Amino acid sequence: MPKLQRSFRRPKKPDGPGNANLARDLTLALFIKFCLLGILWWAFFAGKKVPVDAGSVAQALLNPSMNRLQEKP
């Protein structure tokens, strides 16, 4: 077979333990990723709450002069 044809051939799919190793590695990588995301969330976002006043929220939502969806004349 000429060299050019050999270079464009698809590699064989790995059979046997190769797929199991890939699945294990991906599972481990995802587990580590979610653990790190959880740690980041806990460090920067958990327990940090902004106090919200119901009156200011109602005023912001119901005040027609602050409504951004209104068309400008």
Protein backbone atom coordinates (compact mmCIF):
# COMPACT_ATOMS: atom_id res chain seq x y z
CA MET A 1 0.00 0.00 0.00
CA PRO A 2 1.41 3.42 -0.88
CA LYS A 3 2.49 5.75 1.92
CA LEU A 4 -0.17 8.33 1.11
CA GLN A 5 -3.03 5.85 1.54
CA ARG A 6 -1.59 4.59 4.80
CA SER A 7 -1.45 8.10 6.25
CA PHE A 8 -5.15 8.76 5.51
CA ARG A 9 -6.46 5.48 6.89
CA ARG A 10 -8.59 5.67 10.00
CA PRO A 11 -6.97 4.25 13.07
CA LYS A 12 -8.62 1.18 14.54
CA LYS A 13 -10.99 1.59 17.42
CA PRO A 14 -9.37 0.45 20.62
CA ASP A 15 -10.86 -2.82 21.80
CA GLY A 16 -10.78 -4.32 25.23
CA PRO A 17 -9.23 -2.54 28.21
CA GLY A 18 -8.49 0.66 26.25
CA ASN A 19 -12.13 1.72 26.42
CA ALA A 20 -12.34 0.92 30.11
CA ASN A 21 -9.24 3.01 30.83
CA LEU A 22 -10.68 5.92 28.87
CA ALA A 23 -13.99 5.71 30.73
CA ARG A 24 -12.18 5.55 34.07
CA ASP A 25 -9.98 8.52 33.19
CA LEU A 26 -12.95 10.61 32.04
CA THR A 27 -14.92 9.72 35.16
CA LEU A 28 -11.99 10.68 37.37
CA ALA A 29 -11.49 13.97 35.50
CA LEU A 30 -15.18 14.87 35.84
CA PHE A 31 -15.17 13.96 39.53
CA ILE A 32 -12.15 16.18 40.17
CA LYS A 33 -13.71 19.00 38.15
CA PHE A 34 -16.96 18.91 40.12
CA CYS A 35 -15.07 18.76 43.42
CA LEU A 36 -13.06 21.85 42.45
CA LEU A 37 -16.20 23.67 41.33
CA GLY A 38 -17.84 22.82 44.65
CA ILE A 39 -14.85 24.12 46.58
CA LEU A 40 -14.87 27.36 44.56
CA TRP A 41 -18.60 27.79 45.14
CA TRP A 42 -18.21 27.16 48.85
CA ALA A 43 -15.28 29.58 49.13
CA PHE A 44 -16.81 32.49 47.21
CA PHE A 45 -20.60 32.13 47.05
CA ALA A 46 -21.93 30.01 49.90
CA GLY A 47 -23.43 32.11 52.65
CA LYS A 48 -23.02 35.39 50.79
CA LYS A 49 -26.51 36.83 50.53
CA VAL A 50 -27.61 40.30 49.54
CA PRO A 51 -30.45 41.70 51.65
CA VAL A 52 -33.45 42.52 49.47
CA ASP A 53 -36.09 45.03 50.44
CA ALA A 54 -39.52 44.14 49.06
CA GLY A 55 -40.44 47.79 48.59
CA SER A 56 -37.41 48.58 46.44
CA VAL A 57 -38.02 45.50 44.30
CA ALA A 58 -41.67 46.45 43.78
CA GLN A 59 -40.67 50.01 42.90
CA ALA A 60 -38.09 48.81 40.38
CA LEU A 61 -40.53 46.40 38.74
CA LEU A 62 -43.64 48.55 38.77
CA ASN A 63 -42.23 52.03 38.13
CA PRO A 64 -43.02 52.93 34.51
CA SER A 65 -40.20 55.48 34.26
CA MET A 66 -37.63 52.77 35.02
CA ASN A 67 -39.12 50.24 32.61
CA ARG A 68 -36.54 49.50 29.92
CA LEU A 69 -39.03 47.67 27.73
CA GLN A 70 -41.00 50.80 26.98
CA GLU A 71 -40.52 52.28 23.57
CA LYS A 72 -38.94 55.71 23.46
CA PRO A 73 -41.12 58.40 21.76
